Protein backbone atom coordinates (compact mmCIF):
# COMPACT_ATOMS: atom_id res chain seq x y z
CA MET A 1 23.28 -7.94 8.90
CA HIS A 2 21.25 -8.93 5.90
CA GLN A 3 17.89 -7.40 4.97
CA PRO A 4 14.80 -8.78 6.71
CA THR A 5 13.14 -11.76 4.92
CA ARG A 6 10.09 -10.46 3.07
CA LEU A 7 6.91 -12.28 3.95
CA VAL A 8 3.56 -12.22 2.15
CA VAL A 9 0.87 -13.80 4.35
CA LEU A 10 -2.37 -15.20 2.90
CA VAL A 11 -5.50 -15.32 5.08
CA SER A 12 -9.16 -16.23 4.90
CA GLY A 13 -10.37 -15.53 8.42
CA SER A 14 -9.50 -14.10 11.80
CA GLY A 15 -5.74 -14.04 11.21
CA THR A 16 -4.47 -15.23 14.56
CA ASN A 17 -1.37 -16.79 12.98
CA LEU A 18 -0.83 -13.57 11.07
CA GLN A 19 -1.02 -11.60 14.31
CA ALA A 20 1.57 -13.84 15.92
CA LEU A 21 3.88 -13.17 12.98
CA LEU A 22 3.26 -9.41 13.07
CA ASP A 23 4.02 -9.40 16.82
CA ALA A 24 7.28 -11.34 16.22
CA CYS A 25 8.30 -9.11 13.32
CA ALA A 26 8.09 -6.06 15.57
CA ASP A 27 11.45 -7.15 16.97
CA PRO A 28 14.21 -6.38 14.51
CA ALA A 29 16.18 -9.33 15.73
CA TYR A 30 13.46 -11.67 14.43
CA GLY A 31 14.78 -11.17 10.89
CA ALA A 32 11.56 -10.94 8.94
CA ARG A 33 8.86 -8.45 8.05
CA VAL A 34 5.43 -8.84 6.57
CA VAL A 35 5.36 -6.76 3.37
CA ALA A 36 1.75 -7.61 2.30
CA VAL A 37 -1.34 -9.58 3.41
CA GLY A 38 -3.68 -11.15 0.85
CA ALA A 39 -7.11 -12.67 1.18
CA ASP A 40 -9.71 -14.50 -0.89
CA ARG A 41 -12.60 -12.55 0.68
CA GLU A 42 -13.31 -9.08 1.98
CA ASP A 43 -14.24 -7.78 5.41
CA ILE A 44 -12.30 -10.29 7.51
CA GLU A 45 -10.43 -9.71 10.70
CA GLY A 46 -7.16 -10.93 9.10
CA LEU A 47 -7.19 -7.97 6.67
CA ALA A 48 -8.19 -5.53 9.49
CA ARG A 49 -5.12 -6.73 11.49
CA ALA A 50 -2.88 -5.93 8.54
CA GLU A 51 -4.50 -2.55 8.02
CA ARG A 52 -4.10 -1.64 11.71
CA ALA A 53 -0.41 -2.50 11.38
CA GLY A 54 0.00 -0.26 8.27
CA ILE A 55 0.63 -3.23 5.96
CA PRO A 56 -0.59 -3.29 2.31
CA THR A 57 -3.47 -5.66 1.62
CA PHE A 58 -5.06 -7.20 -1.46
CA VAL A 59 -8.17 -9.29 -2.04
CA ARG A 60 -8.62 -11.79 -4.86
CA LYS A 61 -12.07 -13.42 -4.81
CA VAL A 62 -12.51 -16.49 -7.04
CA SER A 63 -16.02 -15.30 -7.93
CA ASP A 64 -14.57 -12.12 -9.58
CA PHE A 65 -12.96 -14.29 -12.23
CA GLU A 66 -14.38 -16.19 -15.11
CA THR A 67 -12.03 -19.12 -14.57
CA ARG A 68 -10.08 -20.55 -11.74
CA GLU A 69 -6.98 -20.25 -13.98
CA GLY A 70 -7.61 -16.48 -14.19
CA TRP A 71 -7.76 -16.28 -10.38
CA ASP A 72 -4.55 -18.30 -10.09
CA ALA A 73 -2.69 -16.03 -12.50
CA SER A 74 -3.97 -12.85 -10.80
CA LEU A 75 -2.95 -14.11 -7.37
CA THR A 76 0.51 -14.99 -8.68
CA THR A 77 0.88 -11.56 -10.26
CA VAL A 78 -0.12 -9.57 -7.23
CA VAL A 79 2.03 -11.61 -4.86
CA GLU A 80 5.00 -11.24 -7.22
CA ARG A 81 4.59 -7.41 -6.97
CA PHE A 82 5.66 -7.58 -3.32
CA GLU A 83 8.81 -9.60 -4.09
CA PRO A 84 8.47 -12.05 -1.20
CA ASP A 85 11.25 -14.38 -0.04
CA LEU A 86 8.62 -16.53 1.64
CA VAL A 87 4.79 -16.91 1.40
CA VAL A 88 2.92 -18.04 4.48
CA SER A 89 -0.58 -19.50 4.07
CA ALA A 90 -2.10 -18.63 7.47
CA GLY A 91 -5.58 -20.13 7.32
CA PHE A 92 -5.87 -19.50 3.57
CA MET A 93 -8.73 -21.76 2.43
CA LYS A 94 -7.84 -22.09 -1.23
CA LEU A 95 -5.50 -24.53 -2.99
CA LEU A 96 -2.60 -22.79 -4.77
CA ALA A 97 -1.72 -23.47 -8.39
CA PRO A 98 1.49 -25.32 -9.35
CA GLU A 99 2.73 -22.23 -11.12
CA PHE A 100 2.38 -20.27 -7.88
CA LEU A 101 4.14 -22.85 -5.84
CA ASP A 102 6.95 -23.04 -8.43
CA ARG A 103 7.50 -19.35 -8.05
CA PHE A 104 7.23 -18.88 -4.30
CA LEU A 105 8.37 -21.05 -1.43
CA THR A 106 5.09 -21.37 0.51
CA LEU A 107 4.54 -22.69 4.01
CA ASN A 108 1.30 -23.84 5.60
CA THR A 109 0.29 -25.31 8.90
CA HIS A 110 -2.03 -28.26 9.64
CA PRO A 111 -3.63 -29.18 12.98
CA ALA A 112 -2.31 -32.70 13.11
CA LEU A 113 1.01 -34.58 12.86
CA CYS A 114 1.29 -35.21 9.13
CA PRO A 115 0.98 -37.53 7.35
CA ALA A 116 -1.76 -38.53 9.85
CA PHE A 117 -5.21 -36.94 9.56
CA PRO A 118 -4.93 -34.67 6.49
CA GLY A 119 -7.83 -32.51 5.32
CA MET A 120 -10.32 -30.31 6.96
CA HIS A 121 -10.98 -32.14 10.22
CA GLY A 122 -7.57 -33.03 11.77
CA PRO A 123 -8.56 -32.61 15.43
CA ARG A 124 -11.84 -34.44 14.98
CA ASP A 125 -10.25 -37.29 13.12
CA ALA A 126 -7.54 -37.63 15.80
CA LEU A 127 -10.15 -37.82 18.53
CA GLU A 128 -12.22 -40.33 16.66
CA HIS A 129 -9.17 -42.50 16.08
CA GLY A 130 -8.37 -42.47 19.75
CA VAL A 131 -4.76 -41.28 19.47
CA LYS A 132 -3.03 -40.16 22.68
CA VAL A 133 -0.79 -37.55 21.00
CA THR A 134 -1.59 -35.36 18.02
CA GLY A 135 -0.20 -31.92 17.24
CA ALA A 136 0.57 -29.49 14.50
CA THR A 137 2.76 -29.57 11.35
CA LEU A 138 4.42 -26.83 9.32
CA PHE A 139 5.10 -27.94 5.78
CA VAL A 140 6.16 -26.74 2.35
CA VAL A 141 3.01 -26.50 0.26
CA ASP A 142 2.92 -28.86 -2.78
CA ALA A 143 0.15 -29.88 -5.18
CA GLY A 144 -1.50 -32.21 -2.65
CA VAL A 145 -3.56 -31.59 0.45
CA ASP A 146 -1.34 -31.37 3.55
CA THR A 147 1.25 -33.62 1.77
CA GLY A 148 4.29 -31.36 1.34
CA PRO A 149 7.75 -31.77 2.88
CA ILE A 150 7.65 -31.22 6.61
CA VAL A 151 9.48 -28.23 8.06
CA ALA A 152 8.55 -28.55 11.76
CA GLN A 153 6.17 -30.47 14.03
CA VAL A 154 4.99 -30.06 17.64
CA PRO A 155 3.16 -32.66 19.71
CA VAL A 156 0.05 -32.04 21.72
CA GLU A 157 -1.29 -34.57 24.13
CA VAL A 158 -4.93 -35.61 23.86
CA ALA A 159 -6.72 -35.38 27.24
CA ASP A 160 -9.33 -37.94 28.26
CA ASP A 161 -11.99 -35.20 28.53
CA ASP A 162 -11.10 -33.42 25.26
CA ASP A 163 -13.75 -32.56 22.74
CA VAL A 164 -12.97 -31.21 19.27
CA ALA A 165 -13.04 -27.62 20.33
CA SER A 166 -10.79 -27.92 23.39
CA LEU A 167 -8.29 -30.07 21.57
CA HIS A 168 -8.21 -27.79 18.55
CA GLU A 169 -7.67 -24.75 20.75
CA ARG A 170 -4.59 -26.31 22.35
CA ILE A 171 -3.31 -27.37 18.92
CA LYS A 172 -3.71 -23.78 17.58
CA THR A 173 -1.70 -22.37 20.46
CA ALA A 174 1.13 -24.83 19.80
CA GLU A 175 0.81 -24.26 16.08
CA ARG A 176 1.24 -20.48 16.43
CA ALA A 177 4.36 -20.83 18.51
CA MET A 178 5.84 -23.39 16.11
CA LEU A 179 5.10 -21.14 13.05
CA VAL A 180 6.74 -18.07 14.64
CA ASP A 181 9.79 -20.02 15.73
CA ALA A 182 10.30 -21.78 12.37
CA VAL A 183 9.73 -18.62 10.21
CA GLY A 184 12.18 -16.69 12.35
CA ARG A 185 14.81 -19.43 12.07
CA ILE A 186 14.28 -19.55 8.29
CA ALA A 187 14.58 -15.79 8.00
CA ARG A 188 17.83 -15.72 10.00
CA ASP A 189 19.46 -18.95 8.88
CA GLY A 190 17.89 -19.98 5.58
CA ILE A 191 16.08 -23.12 4.41
CA THR A 192 16.95 -25.97 2.05
CA VAL A 193 14.33 -28.27 0.61
CA ASP A 194 15.76 -31.46 -0.99
CA GLY A 195 12.92 -33.81 -1.95
CA ARG A 196 11.15 -34.57 1.29
CA ARG A 197 13.99 -33.47 3.51
CA VAL A 198 13.87 -29.87 4.81
CA ARG A 199 16.78 -28.30 6.69
CA ILE A 200 16.90 -24.91 8.40
CA GLY A 201 20.31 -23.29 8.98
CA ALA A 202 23.72 -24.90 8.68
CA GLY A 203 24.47 -22.84 5.60
CA ALA A 204 21.02 -23.29 4.05
CA ARG A 205 19.69 -20.27 2.03
């Protein structure tokens, strides 16, 4: 039985994906534990969820630093302090520096089936395009916007009477389940990233 995979989770808002991970980590068989939660702003529900669970938190606001490079370096330093095996960006609304991504394997979710509909408005763009199926993607963060190697995807059908809110809500439900499943499998079985190909398990570590 190996030690649980150490997760640092980054949040910017309500932290529903964080809560799903916290709930999963409560079962020792899941194979992971959240060792810290970080944010780019104070007084958000995501931080409150971590504090209620007794998990250390930290805040790094860009406005507290003279340069973006200073913020990047500080974020890298504080995350490194918690020695994560995996960083999960759970609604974290800041791009991460290449130096950060070189140091920590970082996962993020997107409410569309990448490479379709990247950016801030995945559900709206899917509706406007008239697709019949959209979904959610879990990917390894790289220097682009929603462009990293794909870890997992889940389809969500678009209903005829969907608006952006109803579609996005169903996507978020599927996204949370996908995230919890994939992080657990990575924790228990390992992950290999080879270019654009990602493999969980089968000897991956």
